[in-house]
Amino acid sequence: MLQLSIWCGGAILEMVILLRGFQGKLLPRFPIFYLYVFSVLFDSILIYPVYKWGTHQQYAIVYWTCQFLAILIGSLVVFEIYRVALRYYPGTSRMARNALLFVFALAIAKIFVYRSNGTLSWLRNAPAELERNLRVVQAFGILVIVGVLLIYAIPCGRNLKGILLGYGLFVGSSVFQLSLLSHFGDSFRATWTFLQPFSYLCFLVIWLYALWSPAPEPVHQPEPPPGDYSRLAADTHQELAKLRVGFRKAER
């Protein structure tokens, strides 16, 4: 009964988020995010009947197939956050894009080469471990974006902040829960079955609050032209030279 209530609550929240996004004309601003919410809603509608009336093997196949598709779309959500947040900063956008691609390529290479020792037989034996590793890749991507936004003091609107906060907490929670599942195995599986959808319910509430209505975009300062970067680098070099001279005098 509790599991059914959580499932119904999640489906209702997802439908409300989609409805408010349509009414507030937020779908064109965040198309990948709303595609992700729709895909999770569709997966929930597909998975629950199989869980209720299908066999354990059928449920496992349907669940993990839908889960990996959701992870793929969720990874695109990370790139959408970066695209929306940095669209007024082409230079910073280039740097963040390269950093994101590097992190994703490095982590995925580690998953499929180093972790599997050159074989892919473990994919069918440990889907939870694979999901955890893919979530770690997403977590790295989110940390890169958050770091860029903080370092360069790039303003974000309420809608984008809500998407970033909710998805960041969701990814972090998933990594933590899947690590416990990988460590404790079947003894933790029953708890995880309830903990995962309940925690996702909380993240849906964050998204619903942040995306209830469209928020005005913050005022963005124009990014300095490339010449300003050169001038800034030259000025910084001069200041460092002065500091080195000062330190030498102090040593004497």
Protein backbone atom coordinates (compact mmCIF):
# COMPACT_ATOMS: atom_id res chain seq x y z
CA MET A 1 0.00 0.00 0.00
CA LEU A 2 2.80 2.42 0.91
CA GLN A 3 4.67 1.60 -2.29
CA LEU A 4 1.53 2.19 -4.36
CA SER A 5 1.00 5.56 -2.63
CA ILE A 6 4.58 6.63 -3.37
CA TRP A 7 4.21 5.53 -7.00
CA CYS A 8 0.93 7.43 -7.41
CA GLY A 9 2.33 10.52 -5.69
CA GLY A 10 5.38 10.54 -7.99
CA ALA A 11 3.26 10.11 -11.12
CA ILE A 12 0.93 12.94 -10.06
CA LEU A 13 3.85 15.30 -9.34
CA GLU A 14 5.44 14.48 -12.70
CA MET A 15 2.18 15.21 -14.53
CA VAL A 16 1.77 18.51 -12.66
CA ILE A 17 5.36 19.51 -13.50
CA LEU A 18 4.71 18.79 -17.18
CA LEU A 19 1.40 20.65 -17.08
CA ARG A 20 2.89 23.72 -15.40
CA GLY A 21 5.81 23.66 -17.83
CA PHE A 22 3.37 23.69 -20.72
CA GLN A 23 1.24 26.46 -19.20
CA GLY A 24 4.26 28.58 -18.26
CA LYS A 25 5.92 28.02 -21.66
CA LEU A 26 9.00 26.56 -20.00
CA LEU A 27 9.17 23.54 -22.30
CA PRO A 28 11.05 25.44 -25.07
CA ARG A 29 13.58 26.73 -22.50
CA PHE A 30 14.31 23.31 -20.95
CA PRO A 31 13.21 20.71 -23.55
CA ILE A 32 15.61 17.97 -22.42
CA PHE A 33 14.62 18.31 -18.77
CA TYR A 34 10.91 18.01 -19.55
CA LEU A 35 11.67 15.08 -21.86
CA TYR A 36 13.41 13.47 -18.90
CA VAL A 37 10.38 14.01 -16.62
CA PHE A 38 8.08 12.60 -19.31
CA SER A 39 10.32 9.56 -19.82
CA VAL A 40 10.33 8.82 -16.08
CA LEU A 41 6.54 9.17 -15.98
CA PHE A 42 6.19 6.81 -18.95
CA ASP A 43 8.62 4.35 -17.36
CA SER A 44 6.63 4.39 -14.10
CA ILE A 45 3.40 3.64 -15.93
CA LEU A 46 5.13 0.82 -17.81
CA ILE A 47 7.05 -0.67 -14.88
CA TYR A 48 4.40 -0.86 -12.16
CA PRO A 49 2.06 -3.36 -13.93
CA VAL A 50 5.08 -5.58 -14.67
CA TYR A 51 6.13 -5.34 -11.03
CA LYS A 52 2.62 -6.17 -9.88
CA TRP A 53 1.71 -9.01 -12.21
CA GLY A 54 4.87 -10.02 -14.09
CA THR A 55 7.65 -12.39 -13.13
CA HIS A 56 10.78 -11.28 -11.34
CA GLN A 57 12.86 -11.76 -14.50
CA GLN A 58 10.44 -9.71 -16.60
CA TYR A 59 10.45 -6.93 -14.03
CA ALA A 60 14.27 -6.86 -13.87
CA ILE A 61 14.58 -6.60 -17.66
CA VAL A 62 11.98 -3.84 -17.98
CA TYR A 63 13.24 -1.93 -14.93
CA TRP A 64 16.92 -1.81 -15.86
CA THR A 65 16.19 -1.07 -19.53
CA CYS A 66 14.05 1.92 -18.54
CA GLN A 67 16.57 2.95 -15.91
CA PHE A 68 19.49 3.10 -18.33
CA LEU A 69 17.43 5.06 -20.86
CA ALA A 70 16.57 7.53 -18.09
CA ILE A 71 20.27 7.81 -17.18
CA LEU A 72 21.09 8.58 -20.81
CA ILE A 73 18.49 11.35 -21.00
CA GLY A 74 19.58 12.55 -17.54
CA SER A 75 23.13 12.96 -18.83
CA LEU A 76 21.74 15.20 -21.56
CA VAL A 77 20.02 17.22 -18.81
CA VAL A 78 23.47 17.97 -17.39
CA PHE A 79 24.56 19.35 -20.76
CA GLU A 80 21.33 21.34 -21.04
CA ILE A 81 22.05 22.99 -17.68
CA TYR A 82 25.48 23.98 -18.93
CA ARG A 83 24.03 25.22 -22.26
CA VAL A 84 21.39 27.42 -20.61
CA ALA A 85 23.64 28.75 -17.85
CA LEU A 86 26.55 29.68 -20.15
CA ARG A 87 24.84 30.78 -23.34
CA TYR A 88 25.91 34.41 -22.75
CA TYR A 89 29.51 33.41 -22.06
CA PRO A 90 30.96 31.79 -25.21
CA GLY A 91 34.53 31.68 -23.88
CA THR A 92 33.54 30.14 -20.56
CA SER A 93 31.12 27.88 -22.40
CA ARG A 94 33.95 26.49 -24.51
CA MET A 95 36.04 25.80 -21.44
CA ALA A 96 33.16 24.13 -19.57
CA ARG A 97 32.21 22.06 -22.62
CA ASN A 98 35.76 20.75 -22.98
CA ALA A 99 35.96 20.01 -19.25
CA LEU A 100 32.61 18.19 -19.31
CA LEU A 101 33.52 16.13 -22.36
CA PHE A 102 36.86 15.24 -20.80
CA VAL A 103 35.26 14.14 -17.53
CA PHE A 104 32.59 12.09 -19.29
CA ALA A 105 35.07 10.46 -21.67
CA LEU A 106 37.53 9.66 -18.89
CA ALA A 107 34.91 8.22 -16.54
CA ILE A 108 33.17 6.18 -19.24
CA ALA A 109 36.51 4.81 -20.43
CA LYS A 110 37.26 3.76 -16.86
CA ILE A 111 33.87 2.06 -16.58
CA PHE A 112 34.07 0.05 -19.78
CA VAL A 113 37.79 -0.69 -19.94
CA TYR A 114 39.48 -0.52 -16.56
CA ARG A 115 36.60 -1.76 -14.42
CA SER A 116 35.67 -4.63 -16.77
CA ASN A 117 39.30 -5.58 -17.57
CA GLY A 118 38.50 -5.43 -21.25
CA THR A 119 35.37 -7.60 -21.09
CA LEU A 120 31.71 -6.64 -20.90
CA SER A 121 30.39 -9.78 -19.22
CA TRP A 122 29.88 -7.90 -15.93
CA LEU A 123 27.20 -5.67 -17.53
CA ARG A 124 24.54 -8.33 -17.26
CA ASN A 125 25.66 -9.46 -13.81
CA ALA A 126 25.82 -6.15 -11.94
CA PRO A 127 23.33 -3.61 -13.33
CA ALA A 128 23.17 -1.73 -10.01
CA GLU A 129 26.94 -1.29 -10.01
CA LEU A 130 26.84 -0.08 -13.60
CA GLU A 131 24.13 2.46 -12.75
CA ARG A 132 26.18 3.70 -9.80
CA ASN A 133 29.22 4.22 -12.01
CA LEU A 134 27.16 6.08 -14.60
CA ARG A 135 25.67 8.25 -11.85
CA VAL A 136 29.20 9.05 -10.69
CA VAL A 137 29.92 10.29 -14.21
CA GLN A 138 26.89 12.58 -13.96
CA ALA A 139 28.00 13.77 -10.53
CA PHE A 140 31.39 14.78 -11.93
CA GLY A 141 29.65 16.68 -14.71
CA ILE A 142 27.43 18.52 -12.24
CA LEU A 143 30.43 19.41 -10.06
CA VAL A 144 32.19 20.86 -13.10
CA ILE A 145 29.20 23.04 -13.92
CA VAL A 146 28.72 24.19 -10.32
CA GLY A 147 32.42 25.00 -10.08
CA VAL A 148 32.32 27.11 -13.25
CA LEU A 149 29.22 28.98 -12.07
CA LEU A 150 30.78 29.74 -8.68
CA ILE A 151 34.26 30.66 -9.92
CA TYR A 152 32.97 33.06 -12.57
CA ALA A 153 30.00 34.30 -10.46
CA ILE A 154 27.56 33.55 -13.28
CA PRO A 155 23.96 34.39 -12.25
CA CYS A 156 21.21 31.79 -12.68
CA GLY A 157 17.44 32.21 -12.56
CA ARG A 158 15.17 30.40 -10.12
CA ASN A 159 14.05 27.87 -12.72
CA LEU A 160 17.58 26.79 -13.65
CA LYS A 161 18.69 26.75 -10.01
CA GLY A 162 15.79 24.45 -9.16
CA ILE A 163 16.63 22.03 -11.96
CA LEU A 164 20.30 22.01 -10.97
CA LEU A 165 19.58 21.60 -7.25
CA GLY A 166 17.00 18.86 -7.69
CA TYR A 167 18.98 16.86 -10.21
CA GLY A 168 22.23 17.32 -8.31
CA LEU A 169 20.66 16.03 -5.09
CA PHE A 170 19.03 13.19 -7.01
CA VAL A 171 22.34 12.08 -8.53
CA GLY A 172 24.15 12.34 -5.20
CA SER A 173 21.43 10.37 -3.45
CA SER A 174 21.49 7.71 -6.17
CA VAL A 175 25.26 7.27 -5.87
CA PHE A 176 24.96 6.90 -2.08
CA GLN A 177 22.07 4.44 -2.22
CA LEU A 178 23.58 2.33 -4.99
CA SER A 179 26.88 2.19 -3.11
CA LEU A 180 25.02 0.79 -0.10
CA LEU A 181 23.20 -1.67 -2.34
CA SER A 182 26.46 -2.80 -3.91
CA HIS A 183 28.06 -3.22 -0.47
CA PHE A 184 25.23 -4.87 1.47
CA GLY A 185 23.49 -6.69 -1.40
CA ASP A 186 20.12 -8.32 -0.79
CA SER A 187 20.01 -7.26 2.86
CA PHE A 188 19.63 -3.63 1.75
CA ARG A 189 17.49 -4.29 -1.34
CA ALA A 190 14.15 -4.19 0.50
CA THR A 191 15.02 -0.83 2.06
CA TRP A 192 16.30 0.50 -1.27
CA THR A 193 13.04 -0.46 -2.98
CA PHE A 194 11.21 2.08 -0.79
CA LEU A 195 14.03 4.59 -0.24
CA GLN A 196 14.72 5.24 -3.92
CA PRO A 197 11.17 6.26 -4.99
CA PHE A 198 10.58 8.18 -1.74
CA SER A 199 13.75 10.28 -2.15
CA TYR A 200 12.86 10.91 -5.79
CA LEU A 201 9.49 12.17 -4.56
CA CYS A 202 11.31 14.85 -2.55
CA PHE A 203 13.29 15.96 -5.59
CA LEU A 204 10.08 16.21 -7.60
CA VAL A 205 8.76 18.63 -4.97
CA ILE A 206 11.88 20.80 -5.45
CA TRP A 207 11.31 20.86 -9.22
CA LEU A 208 7.62 21.61 -8.81
CA TYR A 209 8.37 24.59 -6.55
CA ALA A 210 11.14 25.95 -8.77
CA LEU A 211 9.22 25.47 -12.03
CA TRP A 212 5.72 26.39 -10.88
CA SER A 213 5.94 29.61 -12.86
CA PRO A 214 8.53 31.11 -15.22
CA ALA A 215 11.03 33.33 -13.44
CA PRO A 216 12.71 36.30 -15.11
CA GLU A 217 16.24 35.63 -16.26
CA PRO A 218 18.98 37.43 -14.31
CA VAL A 219 20.91 40.27 -15.89
CA HIS A 220 24.08 38.88 -17.44
CA GLN A 221 27.21 40.93 -17.72
CA PRO A 222 28.67 40.64 -21.21
CA GLU A 223 31.72 38.44 -21.43
CA PRO A 224 34.93 40.39 -22.04
CA PRO A 225 36.31 40.16 -25.58
CA PRO A 226 39.43 38.04 -26.16
CA GLY A 227 41.65 41.15 -26.06
CA ASP A 228 40.61 41.85 -22.49
CA TYR A 229 41.77 38.37 -21.47
CA SER A 230 45.21 39.11 -22.91
CA ARG A 231 45.37 42.44 -21.09
CA LEU A 232 44.23 40.79 -17.86
CA ALA A 233 46.89 38.10 -18.23
CA ALA A 234 49.59 40.76 -18.84
CA ASP A 235 48.49 42.77 -15.81
CA THR A 236 48.48 39.64 -13.66
CA HIS A 237 51.98 38.77 -14.86
CA GLN A 238 53.23 42.25 -13.92
CA GLU A 239 51.68 42.05 -10.47
CA LEU A 240 53.28 38.64 -9.88
CA ALA A 241 56.65 40.04 -10.96
CA LYS A 242 56.26 42.87 -8.43
CA LEU A 243 55.42 40.36 -5.70
CA ARG A 244 58.51 38.29 -6.53
CA VAL A 245 60.70 41.40 -6.29
CA GLY A 246 59.08 42.27 -2.97
CA PHE A 247 59.74 38.79 -1.58
CA ARG A 248 63.39 38.95 -2.64
CA LYS A 249 63.84 42.29 -0.87
CA ALA A 250 62.18 40.89 2.23
CA GLU A 251 64.58 37.92 2.24
CA ARG A 252 67.56 40.26 2.15
